[in-house]
């Protein structure tokens, strides 16, 4: 894939940058600006080089209709603070205001356009409708930079179609994400430990399938562990259970044994009568969960055992919390895993999504880990071995350039 430097001198050129600014908002307050901070280097680099930077992004799922609750205006304000620079804001994406804001940009100026998902063409399954919106976006710029890793697994106008209409390259964030994920899949330094949590086994099927042939140890925690425990014939009480996935879980246990991969499940569980912050929590053996209790975190023995294994890794990847970390009574397992990752003598990767939110909420600095991904879903699909449309189209465009002029791009 081409990088920004392959686009040549961009001074005075209008550059559309597809960023991932989909941050959690409470009204106009951003509770976690990690994705914004990760987007700054590419935007700043382009502006410092004299480009006229036009940032495209989405927020939430407004379903193709303008909705003030999903406006990017507060995001643009925070981006300006992080850049220590004025950031202009357009009240629409391709309409009169966007055109006027773009026309008014000088060299090194930065503008954020309103939520691309306010336009039905952004996420349309109809190639013609999506392409028509991409045409409108392309009229605003001279080049395109894909820097929103959290959306590269989506075939959407501002991610996929736009790359066929303008000279296109990846930004620093996407390039870094891909480099890290290649280290996790192509020749990881060993021991290689994968930690998977979160709510559902069904969300991680492809990842487990693919990584059982690559990892030395796979650790299972979070809500998905109860399906594995049920698959072994244990009572899980009122805990989250995907009954239709029990046979698949049994298959993973057997496959791990066959491949010589260590599959670790918790030996103890923190349970409570109901999911409330002040609910009376107790620790029970994983195979002795009372029928009237809910499992809400891995227990202290499991947390210590998992941490020991993680600390011994040379490559560690984690996706999905170990429990309901938002409540302090059920955060200890997730905290132990995060702490252990900070002590890995090698590559430690936090796989975005809830995992990234957890480490920040629990007070860990981003710099404590080798890498925190900005794209939970995109990271998982990459690790599953799936083709990500937003990356595939950039690969294709680079190959087409190579075939027409003989240069390797």
Protein backbone atom coordinates (compact mmCIF):
# COMPACT_ATOMS: atom_id res chain seq x y z
CA UNK A 1 0.00 0.00 0.00
CA UNK A 2 1.10 3.54 -0.71
CA UNK A 3 1.91 5.79 2.22
CA UNK A 4 1.53 9.56 2.46
CA UNK A 5 5.07 10.13 1.20
CA UNK A 6 4.16 8.30 -2.02
CA UNK A 7 1.58 10.99 -2.79
CA UNK A 8 4.36 13.51 -3.38
CA UNK A 9 4.34 17.17 -2.38
CA UNK A 10 0.90 17.92 -0.93
CA UNK A 11 1.49 21.59 -0.20
CA UNK A 12 -1.57 23.50 -1.33
CA UNK A 13 -3.43 20.28 -2.12
CA UNK A 14 -6.79 19.41 -0.58
CA UNK A 15 -6.42 16.10 1.27
CA UNK A 16 -9.38 14.11 2.57
CA UNK A 17 -8.37 12.16 5.67
CA UNK A 18 -10.73 9.41 6.81
CA UNK A 19 -10.14 9.30 10.55
CA UNK A 20 -11.87 7.30 13.26
CA UNK A 21 -13.21 9.89 15.68
CA UNK A 22 -16.03 7.70 16.99
CA UNK A 23 -15.51 8.57 20.64
CA UNK A 24 -17.89 8.07 23.58
CA UNK A 25 -19.90 11.22 24.23
CA UNK A 26 -21.95 12.23 27.25
CA UNK A 27 -23.80 15.17 25.80
CA UNK A 28 -20.91 17.29 24.53
CA UNK A 29 -18.35 15.75 26.90
CA UNK A 30 -15.89 13.21 25.50
CA UNK A 31 -15.22 10.53 28.13
CA UNK A 32 -12.32 8.86 26.25
CA UNK A 33 -10.38 10.77 23.60
CA UNK A 34 -7.96 7.94 22.80
CA UNK A 35 -9.03 7.69 19.18
CA UNK A 36 -8.70 11.44 18.75
CA UNK A 37 -5.17 11.43 20.14
CA UNK A 38 -4.24 8.53 17.89
CA UNK A 39 -5.50 10.46 14.86
CA UNK A 40 -3.48 13.60 15.57
CA UNK A 41 -0.06 12.61 14.10
CA UNK A 42 -1.31 12.05 10.55
CA UNK A 43 -3.49 15.17 10.54
CA UNK A 44 -0.72 17.31 12.02
CA UNK A 45 1.89 15.89 9.66
CA UNK A 46 -0.20 16.75 6.62
CA UNK A 47 -1.00 20.24 7.91
CA UNK A 48 2.66 20.91 8.77
CA UNK A 49 3.50 19.94 5.19
CA UNK A 50 1.16 22.61 3.85
CA UNK A 51 -1.77 20.39 2.88
CA UNK A 52 -5.30 21.66 3.24
CA UNK A 53 -6.64 18.92 5.50
CA UNK A 54 -10.30 17.85 5.34
CA UNK A 55 -11.20 15.31 8.02
CA UNK A 56 -13.98 12.80 7.43
CA UNK A 57 -15.34 10.73 10.30
CA UNK A 58 -18.46 9.22 11.78
CA UNK A 59 -19.98 9.17 15.25
CA UNK A 60 -22.45 6.50 16.30
CA UNK A 61 -25.12 5.10 14.02
CA UNK A 62 -27.51 7.86 12.94
CA UNK A 63 -28.77 5.72 10.02
CA UNK A 64 -28.32 8.23 7.23
CA UNK A 65 -30.22 11.09 8.88
CA UNK A 66 -28.80 14.20 10.58
CA UNK A 67 -29.14 13.94 14.36
CA UNK A 68 -27.68 16.59 16.70
CA UNK A 69 -26.87 13.89 19.26
CA UNK A 70 -24.28 12.52 16.82
CA UNK A 71 -22.78 15.78 15.63
CA UNK A 72 -19.00 15.92 15.33
CA UNK A 73 -18.87 19.54 16.51
CA UNK A 74 -17.61 18.72 20.06
CA UNK A 75 -15.11 16.31 18.50
CA UNK A 76 -13.79 19.08 16.25
CA UNK A 77 -13.39 21.33 19.29
CA UNK A 78 -11.38 18.69 21.16
CA UNK A 79 -9.29 17.95 18.08
CA UNK A 80 -8.36 21.62 17.90
CA UNK A 81 -7.25 21.51 21.53
CA UNK A 82 -5.09 18.46 20.91
CA UNK A 83 -3.56 20.03 17.81
CA UNK A 84 -3.20 23.40 19.50
CA UNK A 85 -4.55 24.84 16.29
CA UNK A 86 -7.80 26.20 14.89
CA UNK A 87 -10.00 23.50 13.39
CA UNK A 88 -12.82 24.67 11.15
CA UNK A 89 -16.13 22.81 11.22
CA UNK A 90 -18.64 22.30 8.40
CA UNK A 91 -22.28 21.81 9.33
CA UNK A 92 -22.76 19.24 6.56
CA UNK A 93 -20.59 16.73 4.73
CA UNK A 94 -20.87 17.55 1.03
CA UNK A 95 -23.39 20.40 1.01
CA UNK A 96 -23.05 24.16 0.71
CA UNK A 97 -21.38 24.66 4.08
CA UNK A 98 -18.79 21.92 3.47
CA UNK A 99 -18.00 23.35 0.04
CA UNK A 100 -17.62 26.86 1.48
CA UNK A 101 -15.41 25.71 4.37
CA UNK A 102 -13.16 23.72 2.03
CA UNK A 103 -12.94 26.59 -0.44
CA UNK A 104 -11.81 28.87 2.39
CA UNK A 105 -8.96 26.68 3.58
CA UNK A 106 -5.42 27.92 3.27
CA UNK A 107 -2.23 25.88 3.25
CA UNK A 108 -1.88 24.05 6.58
CA UNK A 109 -5.51 24.64 7.58
CA UNK A 110 -7.67 21.85 9.00
CA UNK A 111 -11.43 21.31 8.77
CA UNK A 112 -13.73 18.62 10.10
CA UNK A 113 -16.84 17.85 8.06
CA UNK A 114 -20.08 16.82 9.74
CA UNK A 115 -20.76 13.14 10.43
CA UNK A 116 -20.48 11.15 7.17
CA UNK A 117 -23.21 8.81 8.42
CA UNK A 118 -25.71 11.66 8.24
CA UNK A 119 -25.69 10.76 4.53
CA UNK A 120 -27.52 7.62 3.42
CA UNK A 121 -24.90 7.01 0.72
CA UNK A 122 -22.15 6.37 3.27
CA UNK A 123 -23.36 2.98 4.45
CA UNK A 124 -25.67 1.97 1.59
CA UNK A 125 -25.43 -1.63 0.38
CA UNK A 126 -26.23 -0.35 -3.12
CA UNK A 127 -22.95 0.26 -4.96
CA UNK A 128 -24.53 2.95 -7.10
CA UNK A 129 -25.90 4.94 -4.17
CA UNK A 130 -22.66 4.59 -2.24
CA UNK A 131 -20.62 5.51 -5.32
CA UNK A 132 -22.66 8.66 -5.94
CA UNK A 133 -21.84 9.87 -2.42
CA UNK A 134 -18.17 9.00 -2.95
CA UNK A 135 -18.24 11.12 -6.10
CA UNK A 136 -19.44 14.09 -4.06
CA UNK A 137 -16.70 13.54 -1.50
CA UNK A 138 -14.06 13.27 -4.22
CA UNK A 139 -15.06 16.65 -5.65
CA UNK A 140 -13.85 18.26 -2.42
CA UNK A 141 -10.25 17.03 -2.64
CA UNK A 142 -7.14 16.18 -4.64
CA UNK A 143 -6.01 13.14 -2.61
CA UNK A 144 -7.26 10.68 -0.01
CA UNK A 145 -5.56 9.33 3.12
CA UNK A 146 -7.09 6.34 4.92
CA UNK A 147 -6.28 6.71 8.62
CA UNK A 148 -9.35 5.32 10.38
CA UNK A 149 -8.36 1.78 11.24
CA UNK A 150 -11.55 1.24 13.21
CA UNK A 151 -13.56 1.35 9.96
CA UNK A 152 -11.32 -0.41 7.41
CA UNK A 153 -13.42 -3.57 7.79
CA UNK A 154 -16.42 -1.65 6.40
CA UNK A 155 -17.23 -1.32 2.70
CA UNK A 156 -18.44 2.25 2.97
CA UNK A 157 -18.16 5.30 0.76
CA UNK A 158 -15.62 7.24 2.83
CA UNK A 159 -13.55 4.09 3.46
CA UNK A 160 -13.71 2.04 0.27
CA UNK A 161 -15.26 3.83 -2.72
CA UNK A 162 -13.38 7.09 -2.26
CA UNK A 163 -10.08 5.27 -2.71
CA UNK A 164 -11.04 4.44 -6.31
CA UNK A 165 -11.66 8.09 -7.14
CA UNK A 166 -8.59 9.91 -5.81
CA UNK A 167 -4.86 9.20 -5.42
CA UNK A 168 -4.94 7.22 -2.16
CA UNK A 169 -2.59 6.16 0.62
CA UNK A 170 -2.63 4.93 4.21
CA UNK A 171 -1.90 7.26 7.09
CA UNK A 172 0.51 6.63 9.93
CA UNK A 173 -2.15 5.17 12.23
CA UNK A 174 -3.37 2.52 9.78
CA UNK A 175 0.20 1.68 8.76
CA UNK A 176 1.18 1.16 12.42
CA UNK A 177 -1.90 -0.95 13.15
CA UNK A 178 -1.21 -3.25 10.22
CA UNK A 179 2.45 -3.63 11.14
CA UNK A 180 1.52 -4.71 14.68
CA UNK A 181 -1.15 -7.14 13.50
CA UNK A 182 1.30 -8.72 11.08
CA UNK A 183 3.59 -9.38 14.03
CA UNK A 184 0.72 -11.17 15.74
CA UNK A 185 -0.09 -13.38 12.76
CA UNK A 186 2.98 -13.92 10.59
CA UNK A 187 5.86 -14.91 12.88
CA UNK A 188 5.20 -13.95 16.49
CA UNK A 189 8.02 -14.21 18.99
CA UNK A 190 7.28 -17.01 21.46
CA UNK A 191 5.80 -17.77 23.90
CA UNK A 192 2.72 -16.24 22.28
CA UNK A 193 -0.24 -15.73 24.65
CA UNK A 194 -3.73 -14.69 23.51
CA UNK A 195 -6.25 -13.47 26.10
CA UNK A 196 -9.89 -13.37 25.03
CA UNK A 197 -12.78 -12.05 27.09
CA UNK A 198 -15.95 -10.12 26.53
CA UNK A 199 -19.52 -11.30 26.49
CA UNK A 200 -19.97 -13.86 23.76
CA UNK A 201 -18.17 -16.85 22.29
CA UNK A 202 -19.97 -16.15 19.00
CA UNK A 203 -18.18 -12.79 18.71
CA UNK A 204 -14.79 -14.53 18.81
CA UNK A 205 -15.37 -17.70 16.76
CA UNK A 206 -13.13 -16.73 13.85
CA UNK A 207 -10.37 -15.43 16.12
CA UNK A 208 -10.28 -18.61 18.18
CA UNK A 209 -10.31 -20.73 15.03
CA UNK A 210 -7.36 -18.86 13.54
CA UNK A 211 -5.26 -18.31 16.66
CA UNK A 212 -5.50 -21.88 17.91
CA UNK A 213 -3.02 -22.67 15.14
CA UNK A 214 -0.72 -19.74 16.00
CA UNK A 215 -0.70 -19.18 19.77
CA UNK A 216 1.03 -21.21 22.47
CA UNK A 217 -1.59 -20.36 25.10
CA UNK A 218 -5.16 -19.10 24.77
CA UNK A 219 -6.74 -17.70 27.94
CA UNK A 220 -10.52 -17.42 28.14
CA UNK A 221 -12.30 -15.05 30.52
CA UNK A 222 -15.25 -12.68 30.61
CA UNK A 223 -18.86 -13.64 29.95
CA UNK A 224 -17.83 -16.08 27.21
CA UNK A 225 -16.22 -18.39 29.79
CA UNK A 226 -19.61 -19.63 31.00
CA UNK A 227 -20.34 -21.24 27.67
CA UNK A 228 -17.05 -23.15 27.99
CA UNK A 229 -17.89 -24.16 31.56
CA UNK A 230 -21.35 -25.31 30.48
CA UNK A 231 -19.71 -27.26 27.65
CA UNK A 232 -17.79 -29.16 30.34
CA UNK A 233 -21.04 -29.98 32.11
CA UNK A 234 -20.81 -27.41 34.90
CA UNK A 235 -23.64 -25.35 36.39
CA UNK A 236 -23.31 -21.64 35.47
CA UNK A 237 -26.32 -20.28 37.37
CA UNK A 238 -27.78 -17.10 35.92
CA UNK A 239 -24.51 -16.22 34.13
CA UNK A 240 -24.42 -15.22 30.48
CA UNK A 241 -24.71 -18.39 28.43
CA UNK A 242 -24.90 -19.05 24.70
CA UNK A 243 -26.45 -22.49 24.88
CA UNK A 244 -26.21 -22.97 21.11
CA UNK A 245 -22.44 -22.50 21.26
CA UNK A 246 -21.70 -25.24 23.81
CA UNK A 247 -20.82 -27.83 21.18
CA UNK A 248 -18.51 -25.36 19.46
CA UNK A 249 -16.81 -24.63 22.78
CA UNK A 250 -16.31 -28.37 23.30
CA UNK A 251 -14.76 -28.50 19.85
CA UNK A 252 -12.29 -25.74 20.75
CA UNK A 253 -11.26 -27.55 23.92
CA UNK A 254 -10.60 -30.70 21.90
CA UNK A 255 -8.83 -28.82 19.10
CA UNK A 256 -6.50 -27.08 21.55
CA UNK A 257 -5.53 -30.42 23.07
CA UNK A 258 -4.94 -31.90 19.62
CA UNK A 259 -2.74 -28.97 18.54
CA UNK A 260 -0.79 -28.84 21.79
CA UNK A 261 -2.11 -25.37 22.61
CA UNK A 262 -2.73 -24.64 26.28
CA UNK A 263 -6.33 -23.46 26.73
CA UNK A 264 -6.77 -21.85 30.16
CA UNK A 265 -10.17 -21.34 31.79
CA UNK A 266 -10.77 -19.76 35.20
CA UNK A 267 -10.69 -22.01 38.24
CA UNK A 268 -12.67 -19.55 40.37
CA UNK A 269 -15.36 -16.98 39.65
CA UNK A 270 -16.69 -13.87 41.39
CA UNK A 271 -20.48 -14.22 41.64
CA UNK A 272 -23.34 -12.10 42.92
CA UNK A 273 -27.13 -12.44 43.11
CA UNK A 274 -27.63 -9.65 40.55
CA UNK A 275 -25.72 -7.24 38.36
CA UNK A 276 -25.50 -4.25 40.69
CA UNK A 277 -22.48 -2.35 41.94
CA UNK A 278 -23.46 -2.96 45.57
CA UNK A 279 -24.54 -6.57 45.12
CA UNK A 280 -22.95 -8.97 47.62
CA UNK A 281 -20.02 -10.55 45.79
CA UNK A 282 -18.48 -13.89 46.73
CA UNK A 283 -15.83 -16.14 45.21
CA UNK A 284 -16.70 -19.72 44.25
CA UNK A 285 -14.97 -22.52 42.37
CA UNK A 286 -15.65 -22.31 38.64
CA UNK A 287 -17.32 -25.73 38.73
CA UNK A 288 -19.53 -24.83 41.70
CA UNK A 289 -21.46 -21.73 40.64
CA UNK A 290 -24.77 -21.63 42.57
CA UNK A 291 -27.92 -21.77 40.44
CA UNK A 292 -29.15 -18.44 41.81
CA UNK A 293 -25.90 -16.48 41.20
CA UNK A 294 -24.40 -14.60 38.24
CA UNK A 295 -20.73 -14.86 37.33
CA UNK A 296 -19.38 -11.31 36.93
CA UNK A 297 -15.57 -11.63 37.04
CA UNK A 298 -12.80 -14.19 37.16
CA UNK A 299 -11.70 -14.99 40.70
CA UNK A 300 -8.43 -13.99 42.41
CA UNK A 301 -6.72 -17.37 41.90
CA UNK A 302 -7.52 -17.26 38.18
CA UNK A 303 -6.40 -13.64 37.92
CA UNK A 304 -3.05 -14.52 39.51
CA UNK A 305 -2.57 -17.59 37.32
CA UNK A 306 -3.47 -15.74 34.12
CA UNK A 307 -1.13 -12.88 35.05
CA UNK A 308 1.77 -15.28 35.58
CA UNK A 309 1.30 -16.76 32.11
CA UNK A 310 0.95 -13.34 30.47
CA UNK A 311 4.09 -11.98 32.15
CA UNK A 312 6.05 -14.90 30.71
CA UNK A 313 5.03 -14.11 27.13
CA UNK A 314 7.19 -12.56 24.45
CA UNK A 315 4.07 -11.73 22.43
CA UNK A 316 0.72 -11.06 24.12
CA UNK A 317 -2.60 -10.02 22.57
CA UNK A 318 -5.65 -9.19 24.66
CA UNK A 319 -9.20 -8.50 23.53
CA UNK A 320 -12.17 -8.39 25.88
CA UNK A 321 -12.46 -7.65 29.62
CA UNK A 322 -12.43 -10.42 32.21
CA UNK A 323 -15.55 -9.15 33.95
CA UNK A 324 -17.86 -6.19 34.40
CA UNK A 325 -14.94 -3.81 34.87
CA UNK A 326 -17.19 -0.75 34.95
CA UNK A 327 -18.13 -1.78 38.50
CA UNK A 328 -15.24 -1.81 40.96
CA UNK A 329 -16.46 -4.99 42.65
CA UNK A 330 -15.98 -6.87 39.39
CA UNK A 331 -12.91 -5.11 37.94
CA UNK A 332 -10.08 -7.02 39.63
CA UNK A 333 -9.68 -9.67 36.92
CA UNK A 334 -9.46 -7.12 34.12
CA UNK A 335 -7.04 -5.01 36.18
CA UNK A 336 -4.78 -8.02 36.78
CA UNK A 337 -4.64 -8.86 33.08
CA UNK A 338 -3.89 -5.24 32.15
CA UNK A 339 -1.16 -4.99 34.77
CA UNK A 340 0.44 -8.21 33.54
CA UNK A 341 0.49 -6.92 29.97
CA UNK A 342 2.45 -3.88 31.12
CA UNK A 343 5.11 -6.27 32.45
CA UNK A 344 5.56 -8.29 29.25
CA UNK A 345 9.16 -8.28 28.03
CA UNK A 346 8.17 -8.15 24.39
CA UNK A 347 5.15 -7.12 22.32
CA UNK A 348 1.99 -6.35 24.33
CA UNK A 349 -1.11 -5.46 22.32
CA UNK A 350 -4.49 -4.32 23.64
CA UNK A 351 -7.06 -5.09 20.98
CA UNK A 352 -9.19 -1.97 21.05
CA UNK A 353 -12.89 -1.72 21.89
CA UNK A 354 -13.83 -2.48 25.49
CA UNK A 355 -10.25 -3.53 26.28
CA UNK A 356 -8.92 -0.10 25.39
CA UNK A 357 -11.71 1.55 27.37
CA UNK A 358 -10.92 -0.69 30.33
CA UNK A 359 -7.21 0.09 30.55
CA UNK A 360 -7.90 3.82 30.48
CA UNK A 361 -10.75 3.65 32.97
CA UNK A 362 -8.58 1.59 35.30
CA UNK A 363 -5.84 4.20 35.18
CA UNK A 364 -3.22 2.66 32.89
CA UNK A 365 -1.27 4.93 30.56
CA UNK A 366 -1.32 4.12 26.84
CA UNK A 367 2.49 4.12 26.93
CA UNK A 368 2.47 1.16 29.35
CA UNK A 369 1.65 -1.13 26.42
CA UNK A 370 3.43 -1.70 23.12
CA UNK A 371 0.24 -0.89 21.22
CA UNK A 372 -3.42 -0.12 21.90
CA UNK A 373 -5.47 -0.70 18.80
CA UNK A 374 -8.07 1.87 17.78
CA UNK A 375 -10.20 -0.76 16.07
CA UNK A 376 -11.65 -3.61 18.08
CA UNK A 377 -13.77 -5.08 15.28
CA UNK A 378 -11.17 -4.42 12.60
CA UNK A 379 -8.42 -5.99 14.73
CA UNK A 380 -10.48 -9.12 15.32
CA UNK A 381 -11.38 -9.51 11.65
CA UNK A 382 -7.72 -9.12 10.68
CA UNK A 383 -6.75 -11.78 13.21
CA UNK A 384 -9.47 -14.03 11.82
CA UNK A 385 -7.73 -13.81 8.46
CA UNK A 386 -10.60 -11.93 6.82
CA UNK A 387 -10.14 -9.49 3.96
CA UNK A 388 -10.72 -5.92 5.17
CA UNK A 389 -12.28 -3.89 2.31
CA UNK A 390 -10.64 -0.59 3.29
CA UNK A 391 -7.18 -2.19 3.12
CA UNK A 392 -7.87 -4.43 0.13
CA UNK A 393 -8.90 -1.51 -2.08
CA UNK A 394 -5.69 0.36 -1.25
CA UNK A 395 -3.66 -2.75 -2.07
CA UNK A 396 -5.54 -3.05 -5.35
CA UNK A 397 -4.99 0.59 -6.25
CA UNK A 398 -1.26 0.27 -5.54
CA UNK A 399 -1.02 -2.82 -7.75
CA UNK A 400 -2.85 -1.05 -10.55
CA UNK A 401 -0.40 1.86 -10.38
CA UNK A 402 2.50 -0.58 -10.44
CA UNK A 403 1.11 -2.39 -13.48
CA UNK A 404 0.63 0.82 -15.46
CA UNK A 405 3.97 2.51 -14.86
CA UNK A 406 6.20 -0.40 -13.87
CA UNK A 407 7.12 1.07 -10.48
CA UNK A 408 6.76 -0.82 -7.26
CA UNK A 409 4.56 1.28 -4.98
